[in-house]
Amino acid sequence: MNATLAEEISRLSPAEKLLLVEELWDDIAKASNAIEPPAWHDQALAEDAARYAADPSPGDSWASVKRRITGQA
């Protein structure tokens, strides 16, 4: 990134930076076919699918996970 642009971005408020990120994301999404996901993404998805195929039992309930995350009994 050029220094002038980086300096201009640093002057933005947090709210303006979020708006900029949204604009950038929308612009990237318009050309989503121009970005190829890395090969390891396919490998990770295949590994997850294989694990699920080997044991399709459900995981923990949302209530159980939420208790673990929040530390509630």
PDB file of N, CA and C in Angstrom:
ATOM      1  N   MET A   1       0.866  -1.175   0.000  1.00  0.00           N
ATOM      2  CA  MET A   1       0.000   0.000   0.000  1.00  0.00           C
ATOM      3  C   MET A   1       0.904   1.227   0.000  1.00  0.00           C
ATOM      4  N   ASN A   2       0.504   2.214  -0.751  1.00  0.00           N
ATOM      5  CA  ASN A   2       1.362   3.393  -0.777  1.00  0.00           C
ATOM      6  C   ASN A   2       1.193   4.197   0.510  1.00  0.00           C
ATOM      7  N   ALA A   3       2.236   4.915   0.876  1.00  0.00           N
ATOM      8  CA  ALA A   3       2.283   5.613   2.156  1.00  0.00           C
ATOM      9  C   ALA A   3       1.207   6.682   2.271  1.00  0.00           C
ATOM     10  N   THR A   4       0.909   7.366   1.184  1.00  0.00           N
ATOM     11  CA  THR A   4      -0.107   8.419   1.210  1.00  0.00           C
ATOM     12  C   THR A   4      -1.478   7.833   1.528  1.00  0.00           C
ATOM     13  N   LEU A   5      -1.793   6.731   0.897  1.00  0.00           N
ATOM     14  CA  LEU A   5      -3.079   6.078   1.153  1.00  0.00           C
ATOM     15  C   LEU A   5      -3.159   5.591   2.594  1.00  0.00           C
ATOM     16  N   ALA A   6      -2.097   4.981   3.074  1.00  0.00           N
ATOM     17  CA  ALA A   6      -2.069   4.492   4.458  1.00  0.00           C
ATOM     18  C   ALA A   6      -2.250   5.654   5.440  1.00  0.00           C
ATOM     19  N   GLU A   7      -1.641   6.779   5.140  1.00  0.00           N
ATOM     20  CA  GLU A   7      -1.777   7.953   5.995  1.00  0.00           C
ATOM     21  C   GLU A   7      -3.215   8.474   5.995  1.00  0.00           C
ATOM     22  N   GLU A   8      -3.824   8.528   4.834  1.00  0.00           N
ATOM     23  CA  GLU A   8      -5.213   8.979   4.732  1.00  0.00           C
ATOM     24  C   GLU A   8      -6.139   8.046   5.510  1.00  0.00           C
ATOM     25  N   ILE A   9      -5.912   6.753   5.388  1.00  0.00           N
ATOM     26  CA  ILE A   9      -6.745   5.790   6.122  1.00  0.00           C
ATOM     27  C   ILE A   9      -6.579   5.970   7.616  1.00  0.00           C
ATOM     28  N   SER A  10      -5.363   6.233   8.073  1.00  0.00           N
ATOM     29  CA  SER A  10      -5.123   6.393   9.511  1.00  0.00           C
ATOM     30  C   SER A  10      -5.865   7.596  10.087  1.00  0.00           C
ATOM     31  N   ARG A  11      -6.226   8.551   9.237  1.00  0.00           N
ATOM     32  CA  ARG A  11      -6.959   9.742   9.695  1.00  0.00           C
ATOM     33  C   ARG A  11      -8.458   9.502   9.838  1.00  0.00           C
ATOM     34  N   LEU A  12      -8.950   8.404   9.294  1.00  0.00           N
ATOM     35  CA  LEU A  12     -10.379   8.123   9.373  1.00  0.00           C
ATOM     36  C   LEU A  12     -10.786   7.708  10.783  1.00  0.00           C
ATOM     37  N   SER A  13     -12.014   8.009  11.107  1.00  0.00           N
ATOM     38  CA  SER A  13     -12.567   7.549  12.383  1.00  0.00           C
ATOM     39  C   SER A  13     -12.833   6.046  12.278  1.00  0.00           C
ATOM     40  N   PRO A  14     -13.000   5.368  13.412  1.00  0.00           N
ATOM     41  CA  PRO A  14     -13.337   3.942  13.340  1.00  0.00           C
ATOM     42  C   PRO A  14     -14.593   3.672  12.506  1.00  0.00           C
ATOM     43  N   ALA A  15     -15.600   4.507  12.634  1.00  0.00           N
ATOM     44  CA  ALA A  15     -16.833   4.325  11.858  1.00  0.00           C
ATOM     45  C   ALA A  15     -16.556   4.482  10.367  1.00  0.00           C
ATOM     46  N   GLU A  16     -15.741   5.470   9.995  1.00  0.00           N
ATOM     47  CA  GLU A  16     -15.399   5.672   8.583  1.00  0.00           C
ATOM     48  C   GLU A  16     -14.574   4.498   8.046  1.00  0.00           C
ATOM     49  N   LYS A  17     -13.702   3.957   8.891  1.00  0.00           N
ATOM     50  CA  LYS A  17     -12.901   2.798   8.475  1.00  0.00           C
ATOM     51  C   LYS A  17     -13.802   1.597   8.208  1.00  0.00           C
ATOM     52  N   LEU A  18     -14.810   1.406   9.042  1.00  0.00           N
ATOM     53  CA  LEU A  18     -15.751   0.307   8.808  1.00  0.00           C
ATOM     54  C   LEU A  18     -16.505   0.496   7.499  1.00  0.00           C
ATOM     55  N   LEU A  19     -16.913   1.713   7.225  1.00  0.00           N
ATOM     56  CA  LEU A  19     -17.586   1.998   5.953  1.00  0.00           C
ATOM     57  C   LEU A  19     -16.655   1.721   4.774  1.00  0.00           C
ATOM     58  N   LEU A  20     -15.389   2.086   4.928  1.00  0.00           N
ATOM     59  CA  LEU A  20     -14.410   1.824   3.875  1.00  0.00           C
ATOM     60  C   LEU A  20     -14.255   0.325   3.650  1.00  0.00           C
ATOM     61  N   VAL A  21     -14.179  -0.444   4.738  1.00  0.00           N
ATOM     62  CA  VAL A  21     -14.068  -1.896   4.621  1.00  0.00           C
ATOM     63  C   VAL A  21     -15.283  -2.460   3.893  1.00  0.00           C
ATOM     64  N   GLU A  22     -16.474  -1.969   4.225  1.00  0.00           N
ATOM     65  CA  GLU A  22     -17.685  -2.434   3.548  1.00  0.00           C
ATOM     66  C   GLU A  22     -17.618  -2.132   2.054  1.00  0.00           C
ATOM     67  N   GLU A  23     -17.174  -0.936   1.707  1.00  0.00           N
ATOM     68  CA  GLU A  23     -17.066  -0.560   0.293  1.00  0.00           C
ATOM     69  C   GLU A  23     -16.052  -1.446  -0.427  1.00  0.00           C
ATOM     70  N   LEU A  24     -14.921  -1.687   0.229  1.00  0.00           N
ATOM     71  CA  LEU A  24     -13.899  -2.544  -0.377  1.00  0.00           C
ATOM     72  C   LEU A  24     -14.430  -3.958  -0.564  1.00  0.00           C
ATOM     73  N   TRP A  25     -15.104  -4.473   0.458  1.00  0.00           N
ATOM     74  CA  TRP A  25     -15.631  -5.838   0.384  1.00  0.00           C
ATOM     75  C   TRP A  25     -16.656  -5.957  -0.752  1.00  0.00           C
ATOM     76  N   ASP A  26     -17.539  -4.973  -0.853  1.00  0.00           N
ATOM     77  CA  ASP A  26     -18.534  -4.990  -1.929  1.00  0.00           C
ATOM     78  C   ASP A  26     -17.858  -4.956  -3.294  1.00  0.00           C
ATOM     79  N   ASP A  27     -16.796  -4.175  -3.429  1.00  0.00           N
ATOM     80  CA  ASP A  27     -16.084  -4.081  -4.692  1.00  0.00           C
ATOM     81  C   ASP A  27     -15.396  -5.402  -5.028  1.00  0.00           C
ATOM     82  N   ILE A  28     -14.802  -6.045  -4.037  1.00  0.00           N
ATOM     83  CA  ILE A  28     -14.159  -7.344  -4.250  1.00  0.00           C
ATOM     84  C   ILE A  28     -15.205  -8.388  -4.625  1.00  0.00           C
ATOM     85  N   ALA A  29     -16.352  -8.348  -3.980  1.00  0.00           N
ATOM     86  CA  ALA A  29     -17.403  -9.336  -4.230  1.00  0.00           C
ATOM     87  C   ALA A  29     -17.909  -9.260  -5.669  1.00  0.00           C
ATOM     88  N   LYS A  30     -17.878  -8.083  -6.263  1.00  0.00           N
ATOM     89  CA  LYS A  30     -18.315  -7.933  -7.649  1.00  0.00           C
ATOM     90  C   LYS A  30     -17.448  -8.756  -8.597  1.00  0.00           C
ATOM     91  N   ALA A  31     -16.195  -8.950  -8.218  1.00  0.00           N
ATOM     92  CA  ALA A  31     -15.263  -9.707  -9.053  1.00  0.00           C
ATOM     93  C   ALA A  31     -14.837 -10.985  -8.337  1.00  0.00           C
ATOM     94  N   SER A  32     -15.783 -11.628  -7.654  1.00  0.00           N
ATOM     95  CA  SER A  32     -15.440 -12.783  -6.827  1.00  0.00           C
ATOM     96  C   SER A  32     -14.836 -13.925  -7.630  1.00  0.00           C
ATOM     97  N   ASN A  33     -15.176 -14.009  -8.910  1.00  0.00           N
ATOM     98  CA  ASN A  33     -14.595 -15.079  -9.726  1.00  0.00           C
ATOM     99  C   ASN A  33     -13.130 -14.824 -10.046  1.00  0.00           C
ATOM    100  N   ALA A  34     -12.642 -13.629  -9.750  1.00  0.00           N
ATOM    101  CA  ALA A  34     -11.246 -13.294 -10.024  1.00  0.00           C
ATOM    102  C   ALA A  34     -10.324 -13.800  -8.920  1.00  0.00           C
ATOM    103  N   ILE A  35     -10.889 -14.231  -7.810  1.00  0.00           N
ATOM    104  CA  ILE A  35     -10.086 -14.680  -6.675  1.00  0.00           C
ATOM    105  C   ILE A  35     -10.312 -16.166  -6.470  1.00  0.00           C
ATOM    106  N   GLU A  36      -9.262 -16.947  -6.636  1.00  0.00           N
ATOM    107  CA  GLU A  36      -9.339 -18.386  -6.427  1.00  0.00           C
ATOM    108  C   GLU A  36      -8.991 -18.712  -4.979  1.00  0.00           C
ATOM    109  N   PRO A  37      -9.825 -19.500  -4.317  1.00  0.00           N
ATOM    110  CA  PRO A  37      -9.453 -19.907  -2.965  1.00  0.00           C
ATOM    111  C   PRO A  37      -8.217 -20.809  -3.019  1.00  0.00           C
ATOM    112  N   PRO A  38      -7.400 -20.779  -1.980  1.00  0.00           N
ATOM    113  CA  PRO A  38      -6.207 -21.621  -1.981  1.00  0.00           C
ATOM    114  C   PRO A  38      -6.577 -23.104  -1.968  1.00  0.00           C
ATOM    115  N   ALA A  39      -5.692 -23.926  -2.471  1.00  0.00           N
ATOM    116  CA  ALA A  39      -5.941 -25.368  -2.573  1.00  0.00           C
ATOM    117  C   ALA A  39      -6.215 -25.998  -1.213  1.00  0.00           C
ATOM    118  N   TRP A  40      -5.592 -25.465  -0.170  1.00  0.00           N
ATOM    119  CA  TRP A  40      -5.777 -26.079   1.148  1.00  0.00           C
ATOM    120  C   TRP A  40      -7.221 -25.954   1.628  1.00  0.00           C
ATOM    121  N   HIS A  41      -7.990 -24.988   1.093  1.00  0.00           N
ATOM    122  CA  HIS A  41      -9.403 -24.889   1.471  1.00  0.00           C
ATOM    123  C   HIS A  41     -10.153 -26.151   1.058  1.00  0.00           C
ATOM    124  N   ASP A  42      -9.922 -26.596  -0.175  1.00  0.00           N
ATOM    125  CA  ASP A  42     -10.574 -27.819  -0.653  1.00  0.00           C
ATOM    126  C   ASP A  42     -10.165 -29.013   0.196  1.00  0.00           C
ATOM    127  N   GLN A  43      -8.893 -29.065   0.554  1.00  0.00           N
ATOM    128  CA  GLN A  43      -8.402 -30.171   1.380  1.00  0.00           C
ATOM    129  C   GLN A  43      -9.068 -30.150   2.755  1.00  0.00           C
ATOM    130  N   ALA A  44      -9.172 -28.973   3.352  1.00  0.00           N
ATOM    131  CA  ALA A  44      -9.799 -28.859   4.680  1.00  0.00           C
ATOM    132  C   ALA A  44     -11.267 -29.266   4.616  1.00  0.00           C
ATOM    133  N   LEU A  45     -11.972 -28.848   3.559  1.00  0.00           N
ATOM    134  CA  LEU A  45     -13.374 -29.228   3.414  1.00  0.00           C
ATOM    135  C   LEU A  45     -13.522 -30.736   3.238  1.00  0.00           C
ATOM    136  N   ALA A  46     -12.630 -31.339   2.452  1.00  0.00           N
ATOM    137  CA  ALA A  46     -12.682 -32.790   2.241  1.00  0.00           C
ATOM    138  C   ALA A  46     -12.422 -33.536   3.543  1.00  0.00           C
ATOM    139  N   GLU A  47     -11.474 -33.042   4.343  1.00  0.00           N
ATOM    140  CA  GLU A  47     -11.186 -33.680   5.633  1.00  0.00           C
ATOM    141  C   GLU A  47     -12.385 -33.569   6.575  1.00  0.00           C
ATOM    142  N   ASP A  48     -13.018 -32.413   6.601  1.00  0.00           N
ATOM    143  CA  ASP A  48     -14.208 -32.240   7.442  1.00  0.00           C
ATOM    144  C   ASP A  48     -15.325 -33.171   7.000  1.00  0.00           C
ATOM    145  N   ALA A  49     -15.529 -33.282   5.698  1.00  0.00           N
ATOM    146  CA  ALA A  49     -16.574 -34.161   5.175  1.00  0.00           C
ATOM    147  C   ALA A  49     -16.280 -35.613   5.526  1.00  0.00           C
ATOM    148  N   ALA A  50     -15.018 -36.007   5.459  1.00  0.00           N
ATOM    149  CA  ALA A  50     -14.640 -37.387   5.790  1.00  0.00           C
ATOM    150  C   ALA A  50     -14.872 -37.669   7.275  1.00  0.00           C
ATOM    151  N   ARG A  51     -14.523 -36.693   8.125  1.00  0.00           N
ATOM    152  CA  ARG A  51     -14.762 -36.871   9.568  1.00  0.00           C
ATOM    153  C   ARG A  51     -16.250 -37.003   9.852  1.00  0.00           C
ATOM    154  N   TYR A  52     -17.054 -36.198   9.196  1.00  0.00           N
ATOM    155  CA  TYR A  52     -18.493 -36.273   9.404  1.00  0.00           C
ATOM    156  C   TYR A  52     -19.049 -37.602   8.890  1.00  0.00           C
ATOM    157  N   ALA A  53     -18.558 -38.045   7.737  1.00  0.00           N
ATOM    158  CA  ALA A  53     -19.024 -39.315   7.182  1.00  0.00           C
ATOM    159  C   ALA A  53     -18.681 -40.476   8.117  1.00  0.00           C
ATOM    160  N   ALA A  54     -17.532 -40.389   8.773  1.00  0.00           N
ATOM    161  CA  ALA A  54     -17.111 -41.448   9.695  1.00  0.00           C
ATOM    162  C   ALA A  54     -17.937 -41.425  10.982  1.00  0.00           C
ATOM    163  N   ASP A  55     -18.376 -40.229  11.417  1.00  0.00           N
ATOM    164  CA  ASP A  55     -19.158 -40.106  12.655  1.00  0.00           C
ATOM    165  C   ASP A  55     -20.136 -38.948  12.514  1.00  0.00           C
ATOM    166  N   PRO A  56     -21.323 -39.212  11.958  1.00  0.00           N
ATOM    167  CA  PRO A  56     -22.285 -38.126  11.733  1.00  0.00           C
ATOM    168  C   PRO A  56     -23.096 -37.739  12.969  1.00  0.00           C
ATOM    169  N   SER A  57     -22.740 -38.268  14.134  1.00  0.00           N
ATOM    170  CA  SER A  57     -23.502 -37.914  15.337  1.00  0.00           C
ATOM    171  C   SER A  57     -23.405 -36.407  15.575  1.00  0.00           C
ATOM    172  N   PRO A  58     -24.474 -35.852  16.086  1.00  0.00           N
ATOM    173  CA  PRO A  58     -24.466 -34.401  16.303  1.00  0.00           C
ATOM    174  C   PRO A  58     -23.466 -34.007  17.387  1.00  0.00           C
ATOM    175  N   GLY A  59     -23.019 -32.782  17.297  1.00  0.00           N
ATOM    176  CA  GLY A  59     -22.117 -32.242  18.320  1.00  0.00           C
ATOM    177  C   GLY A  59     -22.918 -31.782  19.523  1.00  0.00           C
ATOM    178  N   ASP A  60     -22.344 -30.892  20.284  1.00  0.00           N
ATOM    179  CA  ASP A  60     -23.021 -30.352  21.459  1.00  0.00           C
ATOM    180  C   ASP A  60     -24.150 -29.414  21.050  1.00  0.00           C
ATOM    181  N   SER A  61     -25.113 -29.285  21.915  1.00  0.00           N
ATOM    182  CA  SER A  61     -26.202 -28.333  21.681  1.00  0.00           C
ATOM    183  C   SER A  61     -25.675 -26.905  21.853  1.00  0.00           C
ATOM    184  N   TRP A  62     -26.399 -25.958  21.283  1.00  0.00           N
ATOM    185  CA  TRP A  62     -26.012 -24.552  21.435  1.00  0.00           C
ATOM    186  C   TRP A  62     -25.989 -24.176  22.912  1.00  0.00           C
ATOM    187  N   ALA A  63     -26.954 -24.642  23.679  1.00  0.00           N
ATOM    188  CA  ALA A  63     -26.997 -24.312  25.113  1.00  0.00           C
ATOM    189  C   ALA A  63     -25.729 -24.798  25.811  1.00  0.00           C
ATOM    190  N   SER A  64     -25.273 -25.995  25.475  1.00  0.00           N
ATOM    191  CA  SER A  64     -24.060 -26.548  26.091  1.00  0.00           C
ATOM    192  C   SER A  64     -22.827 -25.752  25.689  1.00  0.00           C
ATOM    193  N   VAL A  65     -22.730 -25.421  24.419  1.00  0.00           N
ATOM    194  CA  VAL A  65     -21.585 -24.644  23.939  1.00  0.00           C
ATOM    195  C   VAL A  65     -21.593 -23.271  24.594  1.00  0.00           C
ATOM    196  N   LYS A  66     -22.755 -22.647  24.654  1.00  0.00           N
ATOM    197  CA  LYS A  66     -22.864 -21.316  25.249  1.00  0.00           C
ATOM    198  C   LYS A  66     -22.433 -21.337  26.716  1.00  0.00           C
ATOM    199  N   ARG A  67     -22.835 -22.377  27.443  1.00  0.00           N
ATOM    200  CA  ARG A  67     -22.404 -22.489  28.843  1.00  0.00           C
ATOM    201  C   ARG A  67     -20.890 -22.593  28.941  1.00  0.00           C
ATOM    202  N   ARG A  68     -20.271 -23.374  28.057  1.00  0.00           N
ATOM    203  CA  ARG A  68     -18.798 -23.500  28.081  1.00  0.00           C
ATOM    204  C   ARG A  68     -18.138 -22.170  27.779  1.00  0.00           C
ATOM    205  N   ILE A  69     -18.659 -21.449  26.798  1.00  0.00           N
ATOM    206  CA  ILE A  69     -18.051 -20.189  26.395  1.00  0.00           C
ATOM    207  C   ILE A  69     -18.204 -19.136  27.479  1.00  0.00           C
ATOM    208  N   THR A  70     -19.368 -19.058  28.060  1.00  0.00           N
ATOM    209  CA  THR A  70     -19.630 -18.002  29.046  1.00  0.00           C
ATOM    210  C   THR A  70     -19.201 -18.388  30.455  1.00  0.00           C
ATOM    211  N   GLY A  71     -18.867 -19.664  30.661  1.00  0.00           N
ATOM    212  CA  GLY A  71     -18.440 -20.106  31.984  1.00  0.00           C
ATOM    213  C   GLY A  71     -19.580 -20.292  32.953  1.00  0.00           C
ATOM    214  N   GLN A  72     -20.814 -20.328  32.440  1.00  0.00           N
ATOM    215  CA  GLN A  72     -21.978 -20.519  33.308  1.00  0.00           C
ATOM    216  C   GLN A  72     -22.165 -22.011  33.543  1.00  0.00           C
ATOM    217  N   ALA A  73     -22.673 -22.327  34.695  1.00  0.00           N
ATOM    218  CA  ALA A  73     -22.894 -23.732  35.050  1.00  0.00           C
ATOM    219  C   ALA A  73     -24.159 -24.281  34.439  1.00  0.00           C
TER     220      ALA A  73
END
